[in-house]
Amino acid sequence: MFKKLSERVHFIGGRMEVTDWIIFKLVLAIFGIIIGMYFADFFLQYKAILWIAFLVGFIYMVYVFFGDLYEEKKEENMETIEKGEENNVDKQ
């Protein structure tokens, strides 16, 4: 059942446009604000835990978005080094 649900969500997500994602995230943010209004006293008790969860999630997302750039740059540097070593071997 979970696999079927996962496939369905992946299929729907692949069809969504950027504006659809913006609206979806905006709706989720508004829903979070509404929940926070009604349960403010409850959530204030867990303020530190919520901040930690936010920061961990934020750092993870930064890695997901920009981690590939670091890996690509690292691979380019390794290729440059390898080409340089090959040129040195050829000269000898």
PDB file of N, CA and C in Angstrom:
ATOM      1  N   MET A   1       0.821  -1.197   0.000  1.00  0.00           N
ATOM      2  CA  MET A   1       0.000   0.000   0.000  1.00  0.00           C
ATOM      3  C   MET A   1       0.864   1.259   0.000  1.00  0.00           C
ATOM      4  N   PHE A   2       1.928   1.263   0.828  1.00  0.00           N
ATOM      5  CA  PHE A   2       2.791   2.439   0.884  1.00  0.00           C
ATOM      6  C   PHE A   2       3.499   2.658  -0.444  1.00  0.00           C
ATOM      7  N   LYS A   3       3.921   1.567  -1.091  1.00  0.00           N
ATOM      8  CA  LYS A   3       4.607   1.686  -2.366  1.00  0.00           C
ATOM      9  C   LYS A   3       3.693   2.302  -3.421  1.00  0.00           C
ATOM     10  N   LYS A   4       2.439   1.871  -3.413  1.00  0.00           N
ATOM     11  CA  LYS A   4       1.470   2.404  -4.368  1.00  0.00           C
ATOM     12  C   LYS A   4       1.234   3.896  -4.120  1.00  0.00           C
ATOM     13  N   LEU A   5       1.103   4.275  -2.862  1.00  0.00           N
ATOM     14  CA  LEU A   5       0.909   5.678  -2.502  1.00  0.00           C
ATOM     15  C   LEU A   5       2.136   6.496  -2.902  1.00  0.00           C
ATOM     16  N   SER A   6       3.316   5.948  -2.639  1.00  0.00           N
ATOM     17  CA  SER A   6       4.554   6.629  -2.997  1.00  0.00           C
ATOM     18  C   SER A   6       4.648   6.853  -4.511  1.00  0.00           C
ATOM     19  N   GLU A   7       4.306   5.847  -5.283  1.00  0.00           N
ATOM     20  CA  GLU A   7       4.329   5.975  -6.744  1.00  0.00           C
ATOM     21  C   GLU A   7       3.334   7.021  -7.217  1.00  0.00           C
ATOM     22  N   ARG A   8       2.168   7.048  -6.602  1.00  0.00           N
ATOM     23  CA  ARG A   8       1.134   8.026  -6.978  1.00  0.00           C
ATOM     24  C   ARG A   8       1.600   9.450  -6.680  1.00  0.00           C
ATOM     25  N   VAL A   9       2.181   9.660  -5.505  1.00  0.00           N
ATOM     26  CA  VAL A   9       2.665  10.984  -5.127  1.00  0.00           C
ATOM     27  C   VAL A   9       3.789  11.408  -6.068  1.00  0.00           C
ATOM     28  N   HIS A  10       4.695  10.489  -6.395  1.00  0.00           N
ATOM     29  CA  HIS A  10       5.788  10.800  -7.312  1.00  0.00           C
ATOM     30  C   HIS A  10       5.245  11.174  -8.688  1.00  0.00           C
ATOM     31  N   PHE A  11       4.228  10.469  -9.146  1.00  0.00           N
ATOM     32  CA  PHE A  11       3.626  10.753 -10.446  1.00  0.00           C
ATOM     33  C   PHE A  11       2.984  12.142 -10.456  1.00  0.00           C
ATOM     34  N   ILE A  12       2.235  12.451  -9.413  1.00  0.00           N
ATOM     35  CA  ILE A  12       1.562  13.757  -9.326  1.00  0.00           C
ATOM     36  C   ILE A  12       2.604  14.865  -9.212  1.00  0.00           C
ATOM     37  N   GLY A  13       3.626  14.647  -8.394  1.00  0.00           N
ATOM     38  CA  GLY A  13       4.672  15.657  -8.227  1.00  0.00           C
ATOM     39  C   GLY A  13       5.404  15.954  -9.517  1.00  0.00           C
ATOM     40  N   GLY A  14       5.569  14.950 -10.359  1.00  0.00           N
ATOM     41  CA  GLY A  14       6.247  15.147 -11.632  1.00  0.00           C
ATOM     42  C   GLY A  14       5.438  15.973 -12.613  1.00  0.00           C
ATOM     43  N   ARG A  15       4.126  15.997 -12.456  1.00  0.00           N
ATOM     44  CA  ARG A  15       3.268  16.753 -13.370  1.00  0.00           C
ATOM     45  C   ARG A  15       3.066  18.198 -12.931  1.00  0.00           C
ATOM     46  N   MET A  16       3.443  18.525 -11.715  1.00  0.00           N
ATOM     47  CA  MET A  16       3.165  19.856 -11.182  1.00  0.00           C
ATOM     48  C   MET A  16       4.119  20.895 -11.759  1.00  0.00           C
ATOM     49  N   GLU A  17       3.583  22.064 -12.039  1.00  0.00           N
ATOM     50  CA  GLU A  17       4.380  23.190 -12.506  1.00  0.00           C
ATOM     51  C   GLU A  17       4.929  23.947 -11.296  1.00  0.00           C
ATOM     52  N   VAL A  18       5.805  24.892 -11.556  1.00  0.00           N
ATOM     53  CA  VAL A  18       6.393  25.693 -10.468  1.00  0.00           C
ATOM     54  C   VAL A  18       5.300  26.448  -9.721  1.00  0.00           C
ATOM     55  N   THR A  19       4.348  27.003 -10.445  1.00  0.00           N
ATOM     56  CA  THR A  19       3.265  27.745  -9.779  1.00  0.00           C
ATOM     57  C   THR A  19       2.428  26.820  -8.897  1.00  0.00           C
ATOM     58  N   ASP A  20       2.255  25.578  -9.325  1.00  0.00           N
ATOM     59  CA  ASP A  20       1.522  24.609  -8.497  1.00  0.00           C
ATOM     60  C   ASP A  20       2.264  24.356  -7.195  1.00  0.00           C
ATOM     61  N   TRP A  21       3.594  24.227  -7.271  1.00  0.00           N
ATOM     62  CA  TRP A  21       4.397  24.014  -6.061  1.00  0.00           C
ATOM     63  C   TRP A  21       4.331  25.227  -5.145  1.00  0.00           C
ATOM     64  N   ILE A  22       4.355  26.417  -5.730  1.00  0.00           N
ATOM     65  CA  ILE A  22       4.270  27.644  -4.929  1.00  0.00           C
ATOM     66  C   ILE A  22       2.948  27.688  -4.181  1.00  0.00           C
ATOM     67  N   ILE A  23       1.864  27.407  -4.880  1.00  0.00           N
ATOM     68  CA  ILE A  23       0.540  27.411  -4.243  1.00  0.00           C
ATOM     69  C   ILE A  23       0.467  26.333  -3.168  1.00  0.00           C
ATOM     70  N   PHE A  24       0.983  25.142  -3.464  1.00  0.00           N
ATOM     71  CA  PHE A  24       0.969  24.036  -2.500  1.00  0.00           C
ATOM     72  C   PHE A  24       1.720  24.423  -1.223  1.00  0.00           C
ATOM     73  N   LYS A  25       2.908  24.982  -1.372  1.00  0.00           N
ATOM     74  CA  LYS A  25       3.699  25.369  -0.195  1.00  0.00           C
ATOM     75  C   LYS A  25       3.057  26.530   0.553  1.00  0.00           C
ATOM     76  N   LEU A  26       2.440  27.442  -0.173  1.00  0.00           N
ATOM     77  CA  LEU A  26       1.744  28.556   0.463  1.00  0.00           C
ATOM     78  C   LEU A  26       0.565  28.051   1.296  1.00  0.00           C
ATOM     79  N   VAL A  27      -0.181  27.103   0.746  1.00  0.00           N
ATOM     80  CA  VAL A  27      -1.304  26.509   1.482  1.00  0.00           C
ATOM     81  C   VAL A  27      -0.806  25.808   2.739  1.00  0.00           C
ATOM     82  N   LEU A  28       0.306  25.071   2.624  1.00  0.00           N
ATOM     83  CA  LEU A  28       0.864  24.407   3.809  1.00  0.00           C
ATOM     84  C   LEU A  28       1.319  25.414   4.860  1.00  0.00           C
ATOM     85  N   ALA A  29       1.940  26.511   4.419  1.00  0.00           N
ATOM     86  CA  ALA A  29       2.386  27.539   5.362  1.00  0.00           C
ATOM     87  C   ALA A  29       1.194  28.185   6.056  1.00  0.00           C
ATOM     88  N   ILE A  30       0.150  28.499   5.306  1.00  0.00           N
ATOM     89  CA  ILE A  30      -1.050  29.099   5.903  1.00  0.00           C
ATOM     90  C   ILE A  30      -1.688  28.133   6.895  1.00  0.00           C
ATOM     91  N   PHE A  31      -1.735  26.847   6.537  1.00  0.00           N
ATOM     92  CA  PHE A  31      -2.291  25.851   7.446  1.00  0.00           C
ATOM     93  C   PHE A  31      -1.465  25.787   8.736  1.00  0.00           C
ATOM     94  N   GLY A  32      -0.149  25.856   8.607  1.00  0.00           N
ATOM     95  CA  GLY A  32       0.722  25.860   9.790  1.00  0.00           C
ATOM     96  C   GLY A  32       0.476  27.075  10.672  1.00  0.00           C
ATOM     97  N   ILE A  33       0.261  28.221  10.053  1.00  0.00           N
ATOM     98  CA  ILE A  33      -0.029  29.440  10.823  1.00  0.00           C
ATOM     99  C   ILE A  33      -1.353  29.302  11.552  1.00  0.00           C
ATOM    100  N   ILE A  34      -2.343  28.758  10.879  1.00  0.00           N
ATOM    101  CA  ILE A  34      -3.664  28.565  11.513  1.00  0.00           C
ATOM    102  C   ILE A  34      -3.543  27.618  12.704  1.00  0.00           C
ATOM    103  N   ILE A  35      -2.846  26.505  12.532  1.00  0.00           N
ATOM    104  CA  ILE A  35      -2.654  25.552  13.643  1.00  0.00           C
ATOM    105  C   ILE A  35      -1.921  26.250  14.792  1.00  0.00           C
ATOM    106  N   GLY A  36      -0.897  27.036  14.440  1.00  0.00           N
ATOM    107  CA  GLY A  36      -0.141  27.763  15.465  1.00  0.00           C
ATOM    108  C   GLY A  36      -0.990  28.756  16.234  1.00  0.00           C
ATOM    109  N   MET A  37      -1.957  29.380  15.560  1.00  0.00           N
ATOM    110  CA  MET A  37      -2.842  30.335  16.251  1.00  0.00           C
ATOM    111  C   MET A  37      -3.691  29.634  17.296  1.00  0.00           C
ATOM    112  N   TYR A  38      -4.213  28.482  16.946  1.00  0.00           N
ATOM    113  CA  TYR A  38      -5.109  27.784  17.865  1.00  0.00           C
ATOM    114  C   TYR A  38      -4.374  27.050  18.985  1.00  0.00           C
ATOM    115  N   PHE A  39      -3.143  26.648  18.719  1.00  0.00           N
ATOM    116  CA  PHE A  39      -2.404  25.875  19.714  1.00  0.00           C
ATOM    117  C   PHE A  39      -1.109  26.578  20.122  1.00  0.00           C
ATOM    118  N   ALA A  40      -1.131  27.902  20.198  1.00  0.00           N
ATOM    119  CA  ALA A  40       0.078  28.685  20.496  1.00  0.00           C
ATOM    120  C   ALA A  40       0.683  28.298  21.841  1.00  0.00           C
ATOM    121  N   ASP A  41      -0.128  28.174  22.855  1.00  0.00           N
ATOM    122  CA  ASP A  41       0.399  27.833  24.185  1.00  0.00           C
ATOM    123  C   ASP A  41       1.076  26.466  24.178  1.00  0.00           C
ATOM    124  N   PHE A  42       0.498  25.528  23.468  1.00  0.00           N
ATOM    125  CA  PHE A  42       1.071  24.185  23.381  1.00  0.00           C
ATOM    126  C   PHE A  42       2.432  24.225  22.689  1.00  0.00           C
ATOM    127  N   PHE A  43       2.516  24.913  21.549  1.00  0.00           N
ATOM    128  CA  PHE A  43       3.757  24.926  20.781  1.00  0.00           C
ATOM    129  C   PHE A  43       4.864  25.745  21.456  1.00  0.00           C
ATOM    130  N   LEU A  44       4.501  26.725  22.254  1.00  0.00           N
ATOM    131  CA  LEU A  44       5.522  27.507  22.954  1.00  0.00           C
ATOM    132  C   LEU A  44       6.322  26.654  23.936  1.00  0.00           C
ATOM    133  N   GLN A  45       5.713  25.597  24.434  1.00  0.00           N
ATOM    134  CA  GLN A  45       6.415  24.691  25.342  1.00  0.00           C
ATOM    135  C   GLN A  45       7.560  23.970  24.617  1.00  0.00           C
ATOM    136  N   TYR A  46       7.421  23.784  23.330  1.00  0.00           N
ATOM    137  CA  TYR A  46       8.386  23.018  22.542  1.00  0.00           C
ATOM    138  C   TYR A  46       9.185  23.909  21.591  1.00  0.00           C
ATOM    139  N   LYS A  47       9.353  25.151  21.959  1.00  0.00           N
ATOM    140  CA  LYS A  47      10.016  26.120  21.091  1.00  0.00           C
ATOM    141  C   LYS A  47      11.431  25.669  20.716  1.00  0.00           C
ATOM    142  N   ALA A  48      12.215  25.225  21.669  1.00  0.00           N
ATOM    143  CA  ALA A  48      13.601  24.822  21.397  1.00  0.00           C
ATOM    144  C   ALA A  48      13.641  23.619  20.449  1.00  0.00           C
ATOM    145  N   ILE A  49      12.793  22.642  20.690  1.00  0.00           N
ATOM    146  CA  ILE A  49      12.754  21.453  19.824  1.00  0.00           C
ATOM    147  C   ILE A  49      12.347  21.835  18.408  1.00  0.00           C
ATOM    148  N   LEU A  50      11.386  22.730  18.276  1.00  0.00           N
ATOM    149  CA  LEU A  50      10.944  23.155  16.947  1.00  0.00           C
ATOM    150  C   LEU A  50      12.050  23.908  16.216  1.00  0.00           C
ATOM    151  N   TRP A  51      12.801  24.756  16.931  1.00  0.00           N
ATOM    152  CA  TRP A  51      13.913  25.462  16.297  1.00  0.00           C
ATOM    153  C   TRP A  51      14.998  24.495  15.842  1.00  0.00           C
ATOM    154  N   ILE A  52      15.297  23.510  16.666  1.00  0.00           N
ATOM    155  CA  ILE A  52      16.303  22.513  16.291  1.00  0.00           C
ATOM    156  C   ILE A  52      15.837  21.736  15.060  1.00  0.00           C
ATOM    157  N   ALA A  53      14.580  21.315  15.049  1.00  0.00           N
ATOM    158  CA  ALA A  53      14.046  20.589  13.889  1.00  0.00           C
ATOM    159  C   ALA A  53      14.104  21.460  12.634  1.00  0.00           C
ATOM    160  N   PHE A  54      13.781  22.740  12.784  1.00  0.00           N
ATOM    161  CA  PHE A  54      13.839  23.655  11.643  1.00  0.00           C
ATOM    162  C   PHE A  54      15.265  23.774  11.126  1.00  0.00           C
ATOM    163  N   LEU A  55      16.228  23.986  12.023  1.00  0.00           N
ATOM    164  CA  LEU A  55      17.611  24.168  11.601  1.00  0.00           C
ATOM    165  C   LEU A  55      18.183  22.915  10.947  1.00  0.00           C
ATOM    166  N   VAL A  56      17.869  21.750  11.496  1.00  0.00           N
ATOM    167  CA  VAL A  56      18.336  20.499  10.891  1.00  0.00           C
ATOM    168  C   VAL A  56      17.742  20.352   9.496  1.00  0.00           C
ATOM    169  N   GLY A  57      16.449  20.610   9.369  1.00  0.00           N
ATOM    170  CA  GLY A  57      15.802  20.525   8.063  1.00  0.00           C
ATOM    171  C   GLY A  57      16.353  21.548   7.085  1.00  0.00           C
ATOM    172  N   PHE A  58      16.622  22.754   7.566  1.00  0.00           N
ATOM    173  CA  PHE A  58      17.153  23.810   6.711  1.00  0.00           C
ATOM    174  C   PHE A  58      18.544  23.448   6.208  1.00  0.00           C
ATOM    175  N   ILE A  59      19.398  22.966   7.103  1.00  0.00           N
ATOM    176  CA  ILE A  59      20.753  22.566   6.711  1.00  0.00           C
ATOM    177  C   ILE A  59      20.694  21.414   5.709  1.00  0.00           C
ATOM    178  N   TYR A  60      19.822  20.468   5.943  1.00  0.00           N
ATOM    179  CA  TYR A  60      19.655  19.353   5.002  1.00  0.00           C
ATOM    180  C   TYR A  60      19.243  19.864   3.624  1.00  0.00           C
ATOM    181  N   MET A  61      18.276  20.787   3.571  1.00  0.00           N
ATOM    182  CA  MET A  61      17.811  21.307   2.289  1.00  0.00           C
ATOM    183  C   MET A  61      18.902  22.100   1.580  1.00  0.00           C
ATOM    184  N   VAL A  62      19.702  22.852   2.317  1.00  0.00           N
ATOM    185  CA  VAL A  62      20.823  23.568   1.705  1.00  0.00           C
ATOM    186  C   VAL A  62      21.797  22.566   1.096  1.00  0.00           C
ATOM    187  N   TYR A  63      22.057  21.473   1.801  1.00  0.00           N
ATOM    188  CA  TYR A  63      22.939  20.434   1.266  1.00  0.00           C
ATOM    189  C   TYR A  63      22.347  19.811   0.008  1.00  0.00           C
ATOM    190  N   VAL A  64      21.042  19.536   0.021  1.00  0.00           N
ATOM    191  CA  VAL A  64      20.395  18.936  -1.147  1.00  0.00           C
ATOM    192  C   VAL A  64      20.466  19.881  -2.339  1.00  0.00           C
ATOM    193  N   PHE A  65      20.203  21.166  -2.114  1.00  0.00           N
ATOM    194  CA  PHE A  65      20.199  22.130  -3.212  1.00  0.00           C
ATOM    195  C   PHE A  65      21.599  22.427  -3.733  1.00  0.00           C
ATOM    196  N   PHE A  66      22.576  22.583  -2.839  1.00  0.00           N
ATOM    197  CA  PHE A  66      23.890  23.043  -3.239  1.00  0.00           C
ATOM    198  C   PHE A  66      24.982  21.987  -3.126  1.00  0.00           C
ATOM    199  N   GLY A  67      24.684  20.820  -2.585  1.00  0.00           N
ATOM    200  CA  GLY A  67      25.682  19.763  -2.437  1.00  0.00           C
ATOM    201  C   GLY A  67      26.220  19.287  -3.768  1.00  0.00           C
ATOM    202  N   ASP A  68      25.367  19.225  -4.781  1.00  0.00           N
ATOM    203  CA  ASP A  68      25.805  18.798  -6.105  1.00  0.00           C
ATOM    204  C   ASP A  68      26.820  19.772  -6.687  1.00  0.00           C
ATOM    205  N   LEU A  69      26.649  21.055  -6.408  1.00  0.00           N
ATOM    206  CA  LEU A  69      27.593  22.046  -6.918  1.00  0.00           C
ATOM    207  C   LEU A  69      28.984  21.792  -6.352  1.00  0.00           C
ATOM    208  N   TYR A  70      29.042  21.472  -5.066  1.00  0.00           N
ATOM    209  CA  TYR A  70      30.325  21.174  -4.420  1.00  0.00           C
ATOM    210  C   TYR A  70      30.949  19.928  -5.035  1.00  0.00           C
ATOM    211  N   GLU A  71      30.150  18.889  -5.229  1.00  0.00           N
ATOM    212  CA  GLU A  71      30.661  17.640  -5.806  1.00  0.00           C
ATOM    213  C   GLU A  71      31.146  17.859  -7.230  1.00  0.00           C
ATOM    214  N   GLU A  72      30.393  18.645  -8.025  1.00  0.00           N
ATOM    215  CA  GLU A  72      30.800  18.919  -9.398  1.00  0.00           C
ATOM    216  C   GLU A  72      32.129  19.672  -9.423  1.00  0.00           C
ATOM    217  N   LYS A  73      32.283  20.662  -8.556  1.00  0.00           N
ATOM    218  CA  LYS A  73      33.519  21.443  -8.488  1.00  0.00           C
ATOM    219  C   LYS A  73      34.677  20.544  -8.072  1.00  0.00           C
ATOM    220  N   LYS A  74      34.423  19.663  -7.124  1.00  0.00           N
ATOM    221  CA  LYS A  74      35.452  18.740  -6.654  1.00  0.00           C
ATOM    222  C   LYS A  74      35.891  17.810  -7.792  1.00  0.00           C
ATOM    223  N   GLU A  75      34.937  17.310  -8.573  1.00  0.00           N
ATOM    224  CA  GLU A  75      35.262  16.434  -9.699  1.00  0.00           C
ATOM    225  C   GLU A  75      36.051  17.198 -10.766  1.00  0.00           C
ATOM    226  N   GLU A  76      35.670  18.446 -11.027  1.00  0.00           N
ATOM    227  CA  GLU A  76      36.403  19.261 -11.995  1.00  0.00           C
ATOM    228  C   GLU A  76      37.848  19.459 -11.549  1.00  0.00           C
ATOM    229  N   ASN A  77      38.041  19.722 -10.269  1.00  0.00           N
ATOM    230  CA  ASN A  77      39.401  19.896  -9.743  1.00  0.00           C
ATOM    231  C   ASN A  77      40.215  18.619  -9.879  1.00  0.00           C
ATOM    232  N   MET A  78      39.599  17.473  -9.605  1.00  0.00           N
ATOM    233  CA  MET A  78      40.303  16.199  -9.726  1.00  0.00           C
ATOM    234  C   MET A  78      40.683  15.940 -11.179  1.00  0.00           C
ATOM    235  N   GLU A  79      39.780  16.250 -12.120  1.00  0.00           N
ATOM    236  CA  GLU A  79      40.076  16.068 -13.538  1.00  0.00           C
ATOM    237  C   GLU A  79      41.232  16.964 -13.957  1.00  0.00           C
ATOM    238  N   THR A  80      41.249  18.196 -13.472  1.00  0.00           N
ATOM    239  CA  THR A  80      42.332  19.125 -13.791  1.00  0.00           C
ATOM    240  C   THR A  80      43.659  18.598 -13.264  1.00  0.00           C
ATOM    241  N   ILE A  81      43.636  18.081 -12.039  1.00  0.00           N
ATOM    242  CA  ILE A  81      44.858  17.532 -11.438  1.00  0.00           C
ATOM    243  C   ILE A  81      45.340  16.328 -12.242  1.00  0.00           C
ATOM    244  N   GLU A  82      44.411  15.447 -12.607  1.00  0.00           N
ATOM    245  CA  GLU A  82      44.783  14.257 -13.375  1.00  0.00           C
ATOM    246  C   GLU A  82      45.360  14.635 -14.736  1.00  0.00           C
ATOM    247  N   LYS A  83      44.770  15.623 -15.389  1.00  0.00           N
ATOM    248  CA  LYS A  83      45.295  16.073 -16.686  1.00  0.00           C
ATOM    249  C   LYS A  83      46.680  16.658 -16.517  1.00  0.00           C
ATOM    250  N   GLY A  84      46.896  17.385 -15.449  1.00  0.00           N
ATOM    251  CA  GLY A  84      48.209  17.951 -15.172  1.00  0.00           C
ATOM    252  C   GLY A  84      49.256  16.878 -14.950  1.00  0.00           C
ATOM    253  N   GLU A  85      48.869  15.815 -14.248  1.00  0.00           N
ATOM    254  CA  GLU A  85      49.799  14.695 -14.012  1.00  0.00           C
ATOM    255  C   GLU A  85      50.100  13.977 -15.315  1.00  0.00           C
ATOM    256  N   GLU A  86      49.105  13.816 -16.181  1.00  0.00           N
ATOM    257  CA  GLU A  86      49.311  13.174 -17.462  1.00  0.00           C
ATOM    258  C   GLU A  86      50.276  13.991 -18.324  1.00  0.00           C
ATOM    259  N   ASN A  87      50.134  15.319 -18.297  1.00  0.00           N
ATOM    260  CA  ASN A  87      51.037  16.176 -19.062  1.00  0.00           C
ATOM    261  C   ASN A  87      52.465  16.062 -18.545  1.00  0.00           C
ATOM    262  N   ASN A  88      52.616  15.975 -17.232  1.00  0.00           N
ATOM    263  CA  ASN A  88      53.962  15.828 -16.647  1.00  0.00           C
ATOM    264  C   ASN A  88      54.586  14.502 -17.037  1.00  0.00           C
ATOM    265  N   VAL A  89      53.814  13.427 -17.085  1.00  0.00           N
ATOM    266  CA  VAL A  89      54.319  12.119 -17.472  1.00  0.00           C
ATOM    267  C   VAL A  89      54.741  12.149 -18.938  1.00  0.00           C
ATOM    268  N   ASP A  90      53.941  12.804 -19.784  1.00  0.00           N
ATOM    269  CA  ASP A  90      54.253  12.894 -21.206  1.00  0.00           C
ATOM    270  C   ASP A  90      55.566  13.633 -21.435  1.00  0.00           C
ATOM    271  N   LYS A  91      55.846  14.657 -20.641  1.00  0.00           N
ATOM    272  CA  LYS A  91      57.055  15.465 -20.815  1.00  0.00           C
ATOM    273  C   LYS A  91      58.306  14.693 -20.443  1.00  0.00           C
ATOM    274  N   GLN A  92      58.176  13.733 -19.534  1.00  0.00           N
ATOM    275  CA  GLN A  92      59.346  12.973 -19.085  1.00  0.00           C
ATOM    276  C   GLN A  92      59.629  11.950 -20.104  1.00  0.00           C
TER     277      GLN A  92
END
